[in-house]
């Protein structure tokens, strides 16, 4: 990990950024599913600005420790219906 592990739990529609991604707005991800399993919660995410690259349209599975709040890196969170909770 590049940064201190995240301890915040995420909800569906929250906007996050992965620990290893460049801290740029085009790398923001949205939580699309939460899966509770024996090892903890797995968050299914996809890139908000999914381009034509296959890996950007893919759904990724991550633990909460590597999914950070974009505000931590002074990134602007897009004003969409998906981000209403994070913009409060």
N, C-alpha and C. Protein backbone atom coordinates (compact mmCIF):
# COMPACT_ATOMS: atom_id res chain seq x y z
N UNK A 1 0.84 -1.18 0.00
CA UNK A 1 0.00 0.00 0.00
C UNK A 1 0.88 1.24 0.00
N UNK A 2 0.41 2.25 -0.70
CA UNK A 2 1.13 3.52 -0.77
C UNK A 2 0.75 4.46 0.37
N UNK A 3 -0.47 4.32 0.89
CA UNK A 3 -0.99 5.23 1.91
C UNK A 3 -1.48 4.43 3.10
N UNK A 4 -1.69 5.11 4.21
CA UNK A 4 -2.22 4.47 5.40
C UNK A 4 -3.57 3.81 5.05
N UNK A 5 -3.79 2.60 5.56
CA UNK A 5 -5.00 1.84 5.24
C UNK A 5 -6.26 2.62 5.61
N UNK A 6 -7.23 2.61 4.71
CA UNK A 6 -8.52 3.24 4.95
C UNK A 6 -9.31 2.39 5.94
N UNK A 7 -10.03 3.03 6.85
CA UNK A 7 -10.87 2.32 7.81
C UNK A 7 -12.35 2.64 7.61
N UNK A 8 -12.64 3.52 6.68
CA UNK A 8 -14.01 3.97 6.42
C UNK A 8 -14.78 2.92 5.63
N UNK A 9 -16.02 2.64 6.04
CA UNK A 9 -16.89 1.76 5.28
C UNK A 9 -17.57 2.57 4.19
N UNK A 10 -17.84 1.92 3.07
CA UNK A 10 -18.44 2.61 1.92
C UNK A 10 -19.85 2.10 1.67
N UNK A 11 -20.67 2.95 1.06
CA UNK A 11 -22.03 2.61 0.67
C UNK A 11 -22.12 2.57 -0.84
N UNK A 12 -23.17 1.95 -1.35
CA UNK A 12 -23.40 1.94 -2.79
C UNK A 12 -23.50 3.37 -3.30
N UNK A 13 -22.82 3.65 -4.40
CA UNK A 13 -22.85 4.98 -4.98
C UNK A 13 -21.75 5.91 -4.50
N UNK A 14 -21.02 5.52 -3.45
CA UNK A 14 -19.92 6.36 -2.97
C UNK A 14 -18.80 6.39 -4.00
N UNK A 15 -18.14 7.53 -4.07
CA UNK A 15 -17.02 7.71 -4.98
C UNK A 15 -15.73 7.54 -4.18
N UNK A 16 -14.83 6.71 -4.70
CA UNK A 16 -13.57 6.39 -4.01
C UNK A 16 -12.42 6.45 -5.01
N UNK A 17 -11.21 6.36 -4.48
CA UNK A 17 -10.04 6.25 -5.35
C UNK A 17 -9.15 5.14 -4.79
N UNK A 18 -8.64 4.33 -5.68
CA UNK A 18 -7.80 3.19 -5.27
C UNK A 18 -6.42 3.65 -4.85
N UNK A 19 -5.89 2.97 -3.87
CA UNK A 19 -4.58 3.30 -3.31
C UNK A 19 -3.49 3.41 -4.38
N UNK A 20 -3.50 2.51 -5.36
CA UNK A 20 -2.42 2.47 -6.36
C UNK A 20 -2.69 3.32 -7.60
N UNK A 21 -3.91 3.83 -7.77
CA UNK A 21 -4.21 4.65 -8.95
C UNK A 21 -3.63 6.05 -8.80
N UNK A 22 -3.38 6.68 -9.93
CA UNK A 22 -2.96 8.09 -9.93
C UNK A 22 -4.05 8.91 -9.26
N UNK A 23 -3.68 9.86 -8.47
CA UNK A 23 -4.65 10.67 -7.74
C UNK A 23 -5.14 11.81 -8.63
N UNK A 24 -5.85 11.42 -9.69
CA UNK A 24 -6.43 12.33 -10.68
C UNK A 24 -7.92 12.02 -10.79
N UNK A 25 -8.71 13.04 -11.14
CA UNK A 25 -10.17 12.87 -11.20
C UNK A 25 -10.61 11.78 -12.15
N UNK A 26 -9.89 11.56 -13.24
CA UNK A 26 -10.33 10.54 -14.20
C UNK A 26 -10.12 9.12 -13.66
N UNK A 27 -9.51 8.97 -12.49
CA UNK A 27 -9.29 7.66 -11.90
C UNK A 27 -10.29 7.35 -10.77
N UNK A 28 -11.27 8.20 -10.56
CA UNK A 28 -12.27 7.97 -9.52
C UNK A 28 -13.11 6.74 -9.84
N UNK A 29 -13.52 6.04 -8.79
CA UNK A 29 -14.34 4.84 -8.93
C UNK A 29 -15.62 5.01 -8.12
N UNK A 30 -16.66 4.29 -8.53
CA UNK A 30 -17.93 4.29 -7.80
C UNK A 30 -18.17 2.88 -7.26
N UNK A 31 -18.67 2.82 -6.03
CA UNK A 31 -19.01 1.53 -5.42
C UNK A 31 -20.34 1.07 -6.01
N UNK A 32 -20.34 -0.11 -6.64
CA UNK A 32 -21.55 -0.60 -7.29
C UNK A 32 -22.16 -1.80 -6.57
N UNK A 33 -21.40 -2.39 -5.64
CA UNK A 33 -21.92 -3.55 -4.90
C UNK A 33 -21.05 -3.77 -3.67
N UNK A 34 -21.69 -4.24 -2.59
CA UNK A 34 -20.97 -4.65 -1.38
C UNK A 34 -21.23 -6.12 -1.18
N UNK A 35 -20.17 -6.87 -0.90
CA UNK A 35 -20.29 -8.30 -0.69
C UNK A 35 -19.67 -8.64 0.66
N UNK A 36 -20.49 -9.18 1.56
CA UNK A 36 -19.99 -9.57 2.88
C UNK A 36 -19.51 -11.01 2.79
N UNK A 37 -18.28 -11.23 3.23
CA UNK A 37 -17.72 -12.58 3.19
C UNK A 37 -16.96 -12.85 4.49
N UNK A 38 -16.38 -14.01 4.60
CA UNK A 38 -15.69 -14.39 5.84
C UNK A 38 -14.53 -13.48 6.21
N UNK A 39 -13.86 -12.94 5.20
CA UNK A 39 -12.70 -12.09 5.48
C UNK A 39 -13.06 -10.62 5.65
N UNK A 40 -14.31 -10.28 5.48
CA UNK A 40 -14.74 -8.88 5.61
C UNK A 40 -15.61 -8.48 4.43
N UNK A 41 -15.70 -7.19 4.21
CA UNK A 41 -16.52 -6.68 3.11
C UNK A 41 -15.66 -6.48 1.87
N UNK A 42 -16.16 -6.97 0.75
CA UNK A 42 -15.52 -6.74 -0.55
C UNK A 42 -16.38 -5.73 -1.28
N UNK A 43 -15.73 -4.69 -1.79
CA UNK A 43 -16.43 -3.63 -2.52
C UNK A 43 -16.19 -3.81 -4.01
N UNK A 44 -17.27 -3.87 -4.76
CA UNK A 44 -17.19 -3.95 -6.21
C UNK A 44 -17.24 -2.51 -6.74
N UNK A 45 -16.25 -2.14 -7.52
CA UNK A 45 -16.15 -0.77 -8.02
C UNK A 45 -15.92 -0.76 -9.52
N UNK A 46 -16.25 0.36 -10.13
CA UNK A 46 -15.92 0.59 -11.54
C UNK A 46 -15.54 2.06 -11.68
N UNK A 47 -14.78 2.35 -12.72
CA UNK A 47 -14.35 3.74 -12.93
C UNK A 47 -15.53 4.61 -13.31
N UNK A 48 -15.61 5.80 -12.71
CA UNK A 48 -16.68 6.76 -13.00
C UNK A 48 -16.59 7.20 -14.46
N UNK A 49 -15.38 7.52 -14.90
CA UNK A 49 -15.16 8.00 -16.26
C UNK A 49 -14.65 6.86 -17.12
N UNK A 50 -15.45 5.80 -17.22
CA UNK A 50 -15.04 4.63 -18.00
C UNK A 50 -14.89 5.01 -19.46
N UNK A 51 -13.70 4.83 -19.96
CA UNK A 51 -13.42 5.13 -21.36
C UNK A 51 -13.62 3.92 -22.25
N UNK A 52 -12.92 3.90 -23.32
CA UNK A 52 -13.05 2.80 -24.26
C UNK A 52 -12.15 1.63 -23.89
N UNK A 53 -11.24 1.83 -22.94
CA UNK A 53 -10.36 0.74 -22.55
C UNK A 53 -11.14 -0.28 -21.73
N UNK A 54 -10.98 -1.55 -22.06
CA UNK A 54 -11.72 -2.61 -21.39
C UNK A 54 -11.50 -2.60 -19.89
N UNK A 55 -10.28 -2.38 -19.44
CA UNK A 55 -10.01 -2.42 -18.00
C UNK A 55 -10.70 -1.29 -17.25
N UNK A 56 -11.10 -0.22 -17.92
CA UNK A 56 -11.82 0.86 -17.24
C UNK A 56 -13.31 0.57 -17.13
N UNK A 57 -13.85 -0.30 -17.98
CA UNK A 57 -15.26 -0.65 -17.90
C UNK A 57 -15.50 -1.84 -16.97
N UNK A 58 -14.45 -2.53 -16.63
CA UNK A 58 -14.51 -3.71 -15.78
C UNK A 58 -14.95 -3.35 -14.37
N UNK A 59 -15.56 -4.31 -13.69
CA UNK A 59 -15.88 -4.16 -12.27
C UNK A 59 -14.75 -4.80 -11.48
N UNK A 60 -14.21 -4.05 -10.55
CA UNK A 60 -13.07 -4.49 -9.74
C UNK A 60 -13.54 -4.83 -8.34
N UNK A 61 -12.90 -5.80 -7.71
CA UNK A 61 -13.21 -6.18 -6.33
C UNK A 61 -12.05 -5.72 -5.44
N UNK A 62 -12.40 -4.95 -4.39
CA UNK A 62 -11.38 -4.39 -3.51
C UNK A 62 -11.82 -4.48 -2.05
N UNK A 63 -10.84 -4.54 -1.16
CA UNK A 63 -11.13 -4.41 0.27
C UNK A 63 -11.11 -2.92 0.62
N UNK A 64 -11.71 -2.57 1.75
CA UNK A 64 -11.84 -1.14 2.09
C UNK A 64 -10.50 -0.47 2.34
N UNK A 65 -9.49 -1.23 2.76
CA UNK A 65 -8.20 -0.63 3.10
C UNK A 65 -7.55 0.11 1.94
N UNK A 66 -7.84 -0.31 0.70
CA UNK A 66 -7.20 0.32 -0.47
C UNK A 66 -8.11 1.31 -1.19
N UNK A 67 -9.31 1.54 -0.66
CA UNK A 67 -10.24 2.49 -1.28
C UNK A 67 -10.33 3.73 -0.40
N UNK A 68 -9.85 4.84 -0.91
CA UNK A 68 -9.75 6.07 -0.12
C UNK A 68 -10.80 7.10 -0.54
N UNK A 69 -11.06 8.02 0.38
CA UNK A 69 -11.93 9.15 0.10
C UNK A 69 -11.16 10.13 -0.79
N UNK A 70 -11.70 10.49 -1.96
CA UNK A 70 -11.00 11.42 -2.86
C UNK A 70 -10.70 12.77 -2.23
N UNK A 71 -11.50 13.18 -1.27
CA UNK A 71 -11.27 14.47 -0.60
C UNK A 71 -9.91 14.48 0.10
N UNK A 72 -9.44 13.32 0.49
CA UNK A 72 -8.13 13.21 1.13
C UNK A 72 -7.01 13.72 0.21
N UNK A 73 -7.24 13.62 -1.10
CA UNK A 73 -6.25 14.02 -2.09
C UNK A 73 -6.68 15.29 -2.84
N UNK A 74 -7.63 16.03 -2.25
CA UNK A 74 -8.14 17.28 -2.82
C UNK A 74 -8.70 17.09 -4.22
N UNK A 75 -9.36 15.96 -4.45
CA UNK A 75 -9.98 15.72 -5.75
C UNK A 75 -11.44 16.13 -5.70
N UNK A 76 -11.90 16.73 -6.78
CA UNK A 76 -13.29 17.15 -6.89
C UNK A 76 -14.15 15.92 -7.17
N UNK A 77 -15.19 15.76 -6.37
CA UNK A 77 -16.11 14.64 -6.56
C UNK A 77 -17.20 15.10 -7.52
N UNK A 78 -17.44 14.34 -8.59
CA UNK A 78 -18.46 14.75 -9.56
C UNK A 78 -19.83 14.90 -8.90
N UNK A 79 -20.57 15.90 -9.30
CA UNK A 79 -21.88 16.17 -8.74
C UNK A 79 -22.93 15.39 -9.52
N UNK A 80 -23.14 14.14 -9.13
CA UNK A 80 -24.12 13.28 -9.78
C UNK A 80 -25.02 12.68 -8.72
N UNK A 81 -26.05 11.99 -9.14
CA UNK A 81 -26.94 11.33 -8.17
C UNK A 81 -26.20 10.24 -7.40
N UNK A 82 -25.10 9.74 -7.93
CA UNK A 82 -24.32 8.71 -7.26
C UNK A 82 -23.54 9.23 -6.07
N UNK A 83 -23.33 10.55 -6.01
CA UNK A 83 -22.44 11.10 -4.98
C UNK A 83 -23.15 11.96 -3.95
N UNK A 84 -24.45 11.89 -3.87
CA UNK A 84 -25.18 12.76 -2.96
C UNK A 84 -24.69 12.61 -1.52
N UNK A 85 -24.47 11.40 -1.05
CA UNK A 85 -24.05 11.17 0.33
C UNK A 85 -22.65 11.73 0.59
N UNK A 86 -21.74 11.59 -0.36
CA UNK A 86 -20.37 12.02 -0.13
C UNK A 86 -20.24 13.55 -0.17
N UNK A 87 -21.18 14.24 -0.81
CA UNK A 87 -21.09 15.69 -0.93
C UNK A 87 -21.70 16.41 0.26
N UNK A 88 -22.27 15.68 1.23
CA UNK A 88 -22.88 16.32 2.40
C UNK A 88 -21.82 16.91 3.30
